[in-house]
N, C-alpha and C. Protein backbone atom coordinates (compact mmCIF):
# COMPACT_ATOMS: atom_id res chain seq x y z
N MET A 1 0.60 -1.15 -0.05
CA MET A 1 0.03 0.21 0.09
C MET A 1 0.81 1.23 -0.20
N SER A 2 1.96 1.30 0.51
CA SER A 2 2.78 2.54 0.56
C SER A 2 3.03 2.94 -0.78
N SER A 3 3.86 1.44 -1.22
CA SER A 3 4.26 2.06 -2.43
C SER A 3 3.47 2.33 -3.38
N LYS A 4 1.61 2.19 -3.24
CA LYS A 4 0.72 2.90 -4.18
C LYS A 4 0.53 4.20 -3.48
N LEU A 5 0.61 4.19 -2.62
CA LEU A 5 0.30 5.88 -1.99
C LEU A 5 1.71 7.07 -2.74
N LEU A 6 2.71 6.45 -2.81
CA LEU A 6 4.07 6.91 -3.05
C LEU A 6 3.69 7.27 -4.97
N CYS A 7 3.47 6.09 -5.70
CA CYS A 7 3.08 6.51 -6.62
C CYS A 7 1.68 7.40 -6.96
N VAL A 8 0.83 7.58 -5.97
CA VAL A 8 -0.18 8.47 -6.13
C VAL A 8 0.39 10.30 -5.45
N LEU A 9 1.43 10.12 -5.04
CA LEU A 9 1.78 11.52 -4.52
C LEU A 9 3.02 11.79 -5.54
N SER A 10 3.15 10.69 -6.47
CA SER A 10 4.44 11.08 -7.62
C SER A 10 3.40 12.05 -9.01
N LEU A 11 2.17 11.24 -8.89
CA LEU A 11 1.57 11.80 -9.83
C LEU A 11 0.50 12.85 -9.75
N SER A 12 0.60 13.08 -8.48
CA SER A 12 0.14 14.46 -7.85
C SER A 12 0.42 15.54 -8.54
N THR A 13 2.45 15.07 -7.82
CA THR A 13 3.15 15.90 -8.00
C THR A 13 3.45 16.48 -9.51
N VAL A 14 3.52 15.10 -10.25
CA VAL A 14 3.83 15.44 -12.20
C VAL A 14 2.47 16.39 -12.03
N LEU A 15 1.46 16.31 -12.07
CA LEU A 15 -0.37 16.74 -12.33
C LEU A 15 -0.01 18.45 -12.06
N CYS A 16 0.50 18.58 -10.80
CA CYS A 16 0.73 19.99 -10.51
C CYS A 16 1.50 20.90 -11.18
N ALA A 17 2.87 20.47 -11.09
CA ALA A 17 3.65 20.45 -11.72
C ALA A 17 3.46 21.09 -13.36
N GLN A 18 2.62 20.27 -13.82
CA GLN A 18 2.19 20.78 -15.41
C GLN A 18 1.00 21.43 -15.40
N GLY A 19 0.52 22.58 -13.98
CA GLY A 19 -0.46 23.21 -13.94
C GLY A 19 -1.89 23.11 -13.45
N PHE A 20 -2.00 21.35 -13.60
CA PHE A 20 -3.78 20.59 -13.12
C PHE A 20 -3.52 20.17 -11.60
N TYR A 21 -4.15 20.57 -11.34
CA TYR A 21 -4.58 20.36 -9.66
C TYR A 21 -6.37 19.99 -9.84
N PRO A 22 -6.60 18.70 -9.50
CA PRO A 22 -8.05 18.38 -9.57
C PRO A 22 -8.47 19.70 -8.29
N ARG A 23 -10.00 19.81 -8.59
CA ARG A 23 -10.60 20.82 -7.23
C ARG A 23 -11.42 19.75 -6.79
N LEU A 24 -11.33 18.47 -6.67
CA LEU A 24 -11.56 17.43 -5.15
C LEU A 24 -10.96 16.28 -5.72
N GLU A 25 -10.21 15.42 -4.67
CA GLU A 25 -9.35 14.82 -4.82
C GLU A 25 -9.54 13.49 -4.13
N MET A 26 -10.06 12.14 -4.31
CA MET A 26 -10.36 11.27 -3.38
C MET A 26 -8.89 11.14 -2.64
N THR A 27 -9.05 10.93 -1.58
CA THR A 27 -7.83 10.43 -0.50
C THR A 27 -7.48 9.52 0.33
N GLU A 28 -8.76 9.20 0.82
CA GLU A 28 -8.92 7.95 1.93
C GLU A 28 -9.92 7.36 1.10
N LEU A 29 -10.17 6.33 1.36
CA LEU A 29 -11.49 5.11 1.31
C LEU A 29 -11.68 4.47 2.42
N LEU A 30 -12.41 3.89 3.18
CA LEU A 30 -12.83 3.07 3.95
C LEU A 30 -14.68 2.11 2.96
N ILE A 31 -13.86 1.04 2.45
CA ILE A 31 -14.64 0.30 1.54
C ILE A 31 -15.36 -0.85 2.65
N ASP A 32 -14.57 -1.34 3.60
CA ASP A 32 -14.46 -2.71 4.73
C ASP A 32 -14.74 -2.10 6.21
N PRO A 33 -15.01 -1.48 6.26
CA PRO A 33 -15.22 -1.41 7.97
C PRO A 33 -15.75 -2.57 8.90
N VAL A 34 -15.62 -1.84 9.81
CA VAL A 34 -15.64 -3.31 11.00
C VAL A 34 -17.07 -3.97 11.06
N GLY A 35 -17.52 -4.61 10.94
CA GLY A 35 -18.87 -4.93 10.90
C GLY A 35 -19.78 -5.01 9.58
N VAL A 36 -20.95 -4.62 9.42
CA VAL A 36 -21.62 -4.38 8.00
C VAL A 36 -20.99 -3.40 7.62
N ASN A 37 -20.81 -3.51 6.35
CA ASN A 37 -20.53 -2.67 5.68
C ASN A 37 -21.29 -1.39 4.61
N ALA A 38 -22.98 -1.91 4.86
CA ALA A 38 -24.21 -0.83 4.62
C ALA A 38 -23.74 0.18 5.33
N GLY A 39 -23.99 1.66 5.01
CA GLY A 39 -24.16 2.73 5.57
C GLY A 39 -23.26 3.05 6.28
N GLN A 40 -22.17 2.73 6.10
CA GLN A 40 -20.33 2.62 7.05
C GLN A 40 -19.88 2.90 6.05
N GLN A 41 -19.63 3.01 4.91
CA GLN A 41 -18.30 3.16 4.04
C GLN A 41 -18.34 4.45 3.73
N LEU A 42 -16.96 4.97 4.06
CA LEU A 42 -17.02 7.06 3.69
C LEU A 42 -15.51 6.39 2.91
N VAL A 43 -15.61 7.74 2.40
CA VAL A 43 -14.41 8.45 0.92
C VAL A 43 -14.36 9.58 1.82
N GLU A 44 -12.96 9.98 1.73
CA GLU A 44 -12.95 11.17 2.49
C GLU A 44 -11.87 12.15 0.80
N VAL A 45 -12.55 13.05 0.68
CA VAL A 45 -12.47 13.90 -0.28
C VAL A 45 -11.42 15.27 0.43
N THR A 46 -10.87 16.13 -0.95
CA THR A 46 -9.79 16.76 -0.34
C THR A 46 -9.83 17.96 -1.37
N VAL A 47 -10.23 19.21 -1.22
CA VAL A 47 -10.41 20.26 -2.13
C VAL A 47 -9.20 21.01 -2.49
N SER A 48 -8.76 21.48 -3.45
CA SER A 48 -7.76 22.09 -3.74
C SER A 48 -7.67 23.55 -3.06
N ASN A 49 -6.43 24.09 -4.31
CA ASN A 49 -5.99 25.51 -3.13
C ASN A 49 -7.17 26.81 -3.60
N ALA A 50 -8.17 26.31 -3.93
CA ALA A 50 -9.59 27.23 -3.91
C ALA A 50 -10.86 26.81 -4.23
N PRO A 51 -11.93 27.76 -3.04
CA PRO A 51 -13.00 26.70 -2.79
C PRO A 51 -14.05 26.65 -3.97
N VAL A 52 -14.44 25.55 -3.67
CA VAL A 52 -15.31 24.74 -4.68
C VAL A 52 -16.61 24.66 -4.12
N ASN A 53 -17.33 24.81 -5.48
CA ASN A 53 -19.05 25.01 -5.37
C ASN A 53 -19.14 23.72 -5.90
N LEU A 54 -20.01 22.71 -4.79
CA LEU A 54 -20.35 21.28 -5.56
C LEU A 54 -21.22 20.99 -6.38
N ALA A 55 -21.80 22.00 -6.61
CA ALA A 55 -23.45 21.62 -7.30
C ALA A 55 -22.29 21.62 -8.95
N GLY A 56 -23.56 20.60 -9.43
CA GLY A 56 -23.00 20.28 -10.71
C GLY A 56 -22.11 19.55 -10.66
N PHE A 57 -21.72 18.68 -8.93
CA PHE A 57 -20.47 17.51 -9.40
C PHE A 57 -21.40 16.27 -8.80
N TYR A 58 -20.57 14.98 -9.09
CA TYR A 58 -21.50 14.10 -9.26
C TYR A 58 -20.27 12.27 -8.92
N LEU A 59 -21.30 11.98 -8.06
CA LEU A 59 -20.57 10.65 -7.16
C LEU A 59 -21.19 9.76 -7.94
N VAL A 60 -19.73 8.84 -8.64
CA VAL A 60 -20.53 7.49 -9.61
C VAL A 60 -19.83 6.11 -9.53
N ALA A 61 -20.53 5.44 -9.34
CA ALA A 61 -20.23 4.01 -8.80
C ALA A 61 -20.88 3.28 -10.04
N GLY A 62 -19.82 2.46 -11.11
CA GLY A 62 -20.72 2.18 -12.26
C GLY A 62 -21.49 2.35 -13.13
N THR A 63 -23.33 2.53 -12.69
CA THR A 63 -24.29 3.50 -13.55
C THR A 63 -24.64 4.15 -12.42
N VAL A 64 -24.54 4.03 -11.12
CA VAL A 64 -25.25 5.08 -10.45
C VAL A 64 -24.74 6.29 -10.43
N VAL A 65 -25.16 7.35 -10.69
CA VAL A 65 -24.45 8.69 -10.61
C VAL A 65 -25.35 9.33 -9.49
N GLN A 66 -25.06 10.57 -8.81
CA GLN A 66 -25.64 10.84 -7.39
C GLN A 66 -24.96 11.97 -7.30
N PRO A 67 -26.09 12.88 -7.45
CA PRO A 67 -25.43 14.82 -7.20
C PRO A 67 -24.89 14.46 -5.94
N PHE A 68 -23.63 15.42 -5.95
CA PHE A 68 -23.42 16.03 -4.83
C PHE A 68 -24.65 18.02 -4.25
N PRO A 69 -25.19 17.32 -3.74
CA PRO A 69 -25.46 18.87 -3.12
C PRO A 69 -25.21 20.70 -3.22
N SER A 70 -25.30 21.61 -3.62
CA SER A 70 -25.49 22.65 -3.67
C SER A 70 -24.35 23.14 -2.51
N LEU A 71 -23.37 23.23 -2.80
CA LEU A 71 -22.39 23.63 -1.00
C LEU A 71 -21.29 23.95 -1.16
N VAL A 72 -20.62 25.21 -1.26
CA VAL A 72 -19.52 25.86 -1.08
C VAL A 72 -18.61 25.34 0.28
N LEU A 73 -17.50 24.94 -0.71
CA LEU A 73 -16.66 24.53 -0.11
C LEU A 73 -14.92 25.40 0.43
N PRO A 74 -14.47 25.74 1.36
CA PRO A 74 -13.15 26.81 1.31
C PRO A 74 -12.24 25.43 0.77
N ALA A 75 -11.31 26.17 0.32
CA ALA A 75 -9.80 25.62 -0.11
C ALA A 75 -9.70 24.84 1.25
N PHE A 76 -8.88 23.61 0.77
CA PHE A 76 -7.73 22.93 1.55
C PHE A 76 -9.11 21.96 2.54
N GLN A 77 -10.51 22.39 2.56
CA GLN A 77 -10.91 21.68 2.86
C GLN A 77 -11.16 19.93 2.99
N LEU A 78 -11.25 18.86 4.31
CA LEU A 78 -11.35 17.86 4.10
C LEU A 78 -12.86 17.21 4.08
N LEU A 79 -13.32 16.28 3.44
CA LEU A 79 -14.86 15.99 3.31
C LEU A 79 -14.60 15.06 3.51
N ARG A 80 -15.80 14.52 4.40
CA ARG A 80 -15.96 12.94 3.94
C ARG A 80 -17.71 12.87 3.64
N LEU A 81 -17.30 11.33 2.63
CA LEU A 81 -18.79 11.06 2.23
C LEU A 81 -19.18 9.93 2.43
N HIS A 82 -20.19 10.13 3.36
CA HIS A 82 -20.88 9.39 4.04
C HIS A 82 -21.67 7.97 2.88
N LEU A 83 -21.46 6.90 2.54
CA LEU A 83 -22.27 6.00 1.70
C LEU A 83 -22.91 5.46 1.96
N GLY A 84 -24.82 5.62 2.01
CA GLY A 84 -25.48 4.43 2.44
C GLY A 84 -26.07 5.05 3.30
N ALA A 85 -25.64 6.17 4.43
CA ALA A 85 -26.25 6.70 5.62
C ALA A 85 -26.72 7.66 5.45
N SER A 86 -27.71 8.23 6.44
CA SER A 86 -28.33 9.80 6.18
C SER A 86 -27.74 10.38 7.64
N GLY A 87 -27.73 12.17 6.97
CA GLY A 87 -27.58 12.79 8.08
C GLY A 87 -27.38 14.40 7.66
N VAL A 88 -27.90 15.38 8.20
CA VAL A 88 -27.25 16.33 7.77
C VAL A 88 -26.04 16.68 6.88
N ASP A 89 -25.95 17.69 6.14
CA ASP A 89 -25.42 18.25 5.55
C ASP A 89 -24.20 19.18 5.86
N THR A 90 -22.96 19.13 6.05
CA THR A 90 -21.65 20.17 6.44
C THR A 90 -21.11 20.12 5.30
N ILE A 91 -19.91 21.26 5.46
CA ILE A 91 -18.57 21.18 4.98
C ILE A 91 -18.01 20.28 5.11
N ALA A 92 -18.22 19.37 5.98
CA ALA A 92 -17.14 18.87 6.85
C ALA A 92 -17.85 17.01 6.12
N ASP A 93 -19.00 17.06 6.22
CA ASP A 93 -19.66 15.90 6.10
C ASP A 93 -21.01 15.70 4.89
N LEU A 94 -20.83 15.03 4.55
CA LEU A 94 -22.11 14.85 3.20
C LEU A 94 -22.66 13.68 2.80
N TYR A 95 -23.49 13.69 3.22
CA TYR A 95 -24.33 12.00 3.24
C TYR A 95 -25.36 11.67 1.90
N PHE A 96 -24.97 10.18 1.43
CA PHE A 96 -25.55 9.75 0.31
C PHE A 96 -26.31 8.53 0.45
N PRO A 97 -27.63 8.86 1.37
CA PRO A 97 -28.36 7.30 1.78
C PRO A 97 -29.19 6.65 0.64
N ASN A 98 -28.84 7.05 -0.38
CA ASN A 98 -29.40 6.01 -1.42
C ASN A 98 -27.91 5.17 -2.29
N PHE A 99 -26.80 5.34 -2.09
CA PHE A 99 -25.15 4.99 -2.72
C PHE A 99 -25.63 3.53 -2.81
N PRO A 100 -25.42 3.08 -3.17
CA PRO A 100 -25.13 1.65 -3.01
C PRO A 100 -23.43 0.76 -2.10
N VAL A 101 -23.81 0.02 -1.74
CA VAL A 101 -22.70 -0.82 -0.91
C VAL A 101 -21.86 -0.87 -2.16
N LEU A 102 -20.27 -0.04 -1.99
CA LEU A 102 -19.44 -0.70 -3.13
C LEU A 102 -18.77 -1.94 -2.45
N GLY A 103 -18.16 -3.24 -3.56
CA GLY A 103 -17.99 -3.87 -3.64
C GLY A 103 -16.20 -4.07 -2.95
N LEU A 104 -16.04 -5.61 -2.62
CA LEU A 104 -14.24 -5.17 -2.21
C LEU A 104 -13.76 -5.46 -4.10
N SER A 105 -14.29 -5.37 -4.76
CA SER A 105 -13.59 -5.18 -6.26
C SER A 105 -14.72 -4.28 -6.93
N ASP A 106 -14.30 -2.86 -6.82
CA ASP A 106 -15.31 -1.65 -8.04
C ASP A 106 -14.56 -0.86 -7.72
N SER A 107 -15.36 0.12 -8.26
CA SER A 107 -14.45 1.65 -9.12
C SER A 107 -15.38 2.98 -8.73
N LEU A 108 -14.76 4.10 -8.06
CA LEU A 108 -15.40 5.30 -7.77
C LEU A 108 -14.93 6.79 -8.48
N ALA A 109 -15.92 7.17 -8.93
CA ALA A 109 -15.39 8.29 -9.66
C ALA A 109 -16.10 9.86 -9.59
N ILE A 110 -15.59 10.77 -9.92
CA ILE A 110 -16.03 12.22 -9.37
C ILE A 110 -15.97 13.11 -10.88
N PHE A 111 -17.11 12.99 -10.92
CA PHE A 111 -17.81 14.13 -12.28
C PHE A 111 -17.82 15.76 -12.02
N GLN A 112 -17.32 16.52 -12.92
CA GLN A 112 -18.10 17.63 -12.62
C GLN A 112 -19.35 17.97 -13.09
N SER A 113 -19.75 17.27 -13.92
CA SER A 113 -21.09 17.76 -14.45
C SER A 113 -22.25 15.84 -14.85
N ASN A 114 -23.04 15.82 -15.49
CA ASN A 114 -23.68 14.20 -14.91
C ASN A 114 -23.22 13.79 -16.65
N GLN A 115 -22.53 14.52 -17.23
CA GLN A 115 -22.08 13.95 -18.63
C GLN A 115 -21.01 12.99 -18.01
N VAL A 116 -20.85 11.67 -17.92
CA VAL A 116 -20.47 10.43 -17.25
C VAL A 116 -19.40 10.31 -18.71
N GLN A 117 -19.60 10.76 -19.79
CA GLN A 117 -18.93 9.52 -20.95
C GLN A 117 -17.62 10.81 -21.56
N ASN A 118 -17.86 11.91 -20.29
CA ASN A 118 -16.88 13.26 -21.24
C ASN A 118 -15.77 13.23 -20.47
N VAL A 119 -14.81 12.96 -21.01
CA VAL A 119 -13.95 12.91 -20.70
C VAL A 119 -13.54 13.95 -19.70
N ALA A 120 -13.36 15.20 -20.17
CA ALA A 120 -13.09 16.98 -20.06
C ALA A 120 -13.81 16.80 -18.06
N ASP A 121 -14.81 16.02 -18.20
CA ASP A 121 -15.12 16.07 -16.82
C ASP A 121 -15.50 15.11 -15.67
N LEU A 122 -14.12 14.35 -15.92
CA LEU A 122 -13.80 13.16 -15.26
C LEU A 122 -12.87 14.52 -14.16
N VAL A 123 -12.71 14.55 -13.06
CA VAL A 123 -12.41 14.63 -11.94
C VAL A 123 -11.61 14.19 -10.81
N ASP A 124 -12.25 13.12 -10.83
CA ASP A 124 -11.20 12.06 -9.82
C ASP A 124 -11.31 10.15 -10.44
N PHE A 125 -10.66 9.55 -9.88
CA PHE A 125 -11.04 8.29 -10.06
C PHE A 125 -10.31 7.11 -9.32
N VAL A 126 -10.67 6.28 -9.06
CA VAL A 126 -9.96 4.96 -8.14
C VAL A 126 -10.14 3.69 -8.19
N CYS A 127 -10.08 2.97 -8.09
CA CYS A 127 -10.17 1.46 -8.24
C CYS A 127 -9.55 0.41 -7.78
N TRP A 128 -10.36 -0.61 -6.98
CA TRP A 128 -9.67 -1.54 -6.32
C TRP A 128 -10.34 -3.22 -6.28
N GLY A 129 -9.08 -3.80 -5.92
CA GLY A 129 -9.59 -5.24 -5.92
C GLY A 129 -8.99 -5.94 -6.91
N GLY A 130 -8.54 -6.02 -7.79
CA GLY A 130 -8.79 -6.17 -9.11
C GLY A 130 -9.46 -5.69 -10.55
N THR A 131 -10.20 -4.92 -10.41
CA THR A 131 -11.25 -4.52 -11.64
C THR A 131 -10.74 -3.31 -11.18
N THR A 132 -11.08 -2.46 -12.92
CA THR A 132 -10.95 -1.17 -13.27
C THR A 132 -12.47 0.20 -13.14
N GLY A 133 -13.05 -0.85 -13.57
CA GLY A 133 -14.86 0.29 -13.11
C GLY A 133 -14.62 0.51 -14.64
N PRO A 134 -15.81 1.05 -15.06
CA PRO A 134 -16.18 1.32 -16.46
C PRO A 134 -15.51 2.50 -17.14
N TYR A 135 -14.86 3.81 -15.94
CA TYR A 135 -14.40 4.64 -16.07
C TYR A 135 -13.59 4.62 -16.22
N VAL A 136 -12.53 3.90 -16.45
CA VAL A 136 -10.67 3.50 -16.60
C VAL A 136 -9.78 4.23 -17.28
N VAL A 137 -10.45 3.91 -18.55
CA VAL A 137 -10.71 4.65 -20.36
C VAL A 137 -10.00 6.36 -19.95
N HIS A 138 -11.67 6.88 -19.17
CA HIS A 138 -11.70 8.26 -18.88
C HIS A 138 -10.74 8.68 -18.16
N ALA A 139 -10.57 7.82 -16.77
CA ALA A 139 -9.42 8.53 -16.00
C ALA A 139 -7.83 8.46 -16.66
N ILE A 140 -7.88 7.52 -17.20
CA ILE A 140 -6.17 7.26 -17.96
C ILE A 140 -6.51 8.88 -19.10
N GLN A 141 -7.14 8.87 -19.76
CA GLN A 141 -7.34 10.21 -20.74
C GLN A 141 -7.41 11.65 -20.05
N ALA A 142 -8.13 11.74 -18.99
CA ALA A 142 -7.93 12.79 -18.08
C ALA A 142 -6.95 12.67 -17.56
N GLY A 143 -6.03 12.03 -17.56
CA GLY A 143 -4.74 12.19 -16.72
C GLY A 143 -4.48 11.99 -15.14
N ARG A 144 -5.90 10.47 -14.57
CA ARG A 144 -6.06 10.77 -13.30
C ARG A 144 -5.84 9.15 -13.05
N TRP A 145 -5.54 8.20 -14.04
CA TRP A 145 -5.02 7.13 -13.67
C TRP A 145 -3.99 6.37 -14.80
N SER A 146 -3.15 5.34 -14.43
CA SER A 146 -1.71 5.70 -15.38
C SER A 146 -2.59 4.35 -16.37
N THR A 147 -3.25 3.53 -16.04
CA THR A 147 -3.18 1.98 -16.98
C THR A 147 -4.08 1.36 -16.53
N THR A 148 -5.09 0.68 -17.74
CA THR A 148 -6.00 -0.44 -17.52
C THR A 148 -5.63 -1.53 -16.62
N LEU A 149 -4.06 -1.74 -16.75
CA LEU A 149 -3.71 -2.91 -16.18
C LEU A 149 -3.91 -2.98 -14.33
N GLU A 150 -3.68 -1.56 -13.45
CA GLU A 150 -3.51 -1.10 -12.44
C GLU A 150 -5.13 -0.88 -11.89
N SER A 151 -4.68 -1.74 -10.13
CA SER A 151 -6.07 -1.10 -9.67
C SER A 151 -5.33 -1.72 -8.43
N ALA A 152 -6.04 -0.42 -7.59
CA ALA A 152 -5.54 -0.42 -6.21
C ALA A 152 -5.74 -1.84 -5.32
N VAL A 153 -4.97 -2.15 -4.15
CA VAL A 153 -5.03 -3.44 -3.52
C VAL A 153 -5.52 -2.82 -2.24
N LEU A 154 -6.98 -3.44 -1.76
CA LEU A 154 -7.56 -3.63 -0.74
C LEU A 154 -7.23 -3.77 0.51
N PRO A 155 -6.53 -2.62 1.44
CA PRO A 155 -6.22 -3.44 2.83
C PRO A 155 -6.62 -5.25 3.32
N THR A 156 -5.88 -5.79 3.85
CA THR A 156 -6.72 -7.42 4.21
C THR A 156 -7.34 -6.97 5.70
N VAL A 157 -6.66 -6.32 5.84
CA VAL A 157 -7.30 -6.04 8.05
C VAL A 157 -9.05 -5.50 7.96
N GLU A 158 -9.96 -5.46 8.40
CA GLU A 158 -11.32 -5.49 7.92
C GLU A 158 -11.09 -3.82 9.17
N GLY A 159 -11.93 -2.66 8.46
CA GLY A 159 -11.98 -1.79 8.98
C GLY A 159 -10.52 -0.98 8.80
N ALA A 160 -9.66 -1.00 7.37
CA ALA A 160 -8.42 -0.36 7.40
C ALA A 160 -9.17 0.05 5.64
N THR A 161 -7.75 1.69 5.94
CA THR A 161 -8.44 1.93 5.09
C THR A 161 -6.73 2.29 3.99
N LEU A 162 -7.75 2.73 2.54
CA LEU A 162 -6.68 2.73 1.61
C LEU A 162 -6.95 3.96 1.46
N ALA A 163 -5.27 4.56 1.00
CA ALA A 163 -5.23 6.00 1.30
C ALA A 163 -4.45 6.23 -0.26
């Protein structure tokens, strides 16, 4: 996992040097929490160096496309996405009660529109557990993933996160 983290940091460094910095970036995932996964899965997202209005952004897993609420986040804000759980949205926590349970072999993407076939609208992407997911080619073309052969390895310990 540490080599994966180093690859992500290296890729981010290269992308920043080229003038690209994602407005939202998934920085940590809790896919297999202790106990049942439904309603307990979390995705940590970091906001870039400028405020971001979430209106028009979408969280995507497979064919599920869920809009973010209209909310302005300050620069460098850490945001937790609670998948399959209900709650009150704040600048630190967003709830997606109808989001499906992510599998141990799955993928997740953030788009800046509901045009999920538009490569230019892909903001961030991650896949794990040996799968690449339906948007891996988009992610490669957008410079957010390196190859169709890459898939992050989930920690084997229940409750551990993928960073």
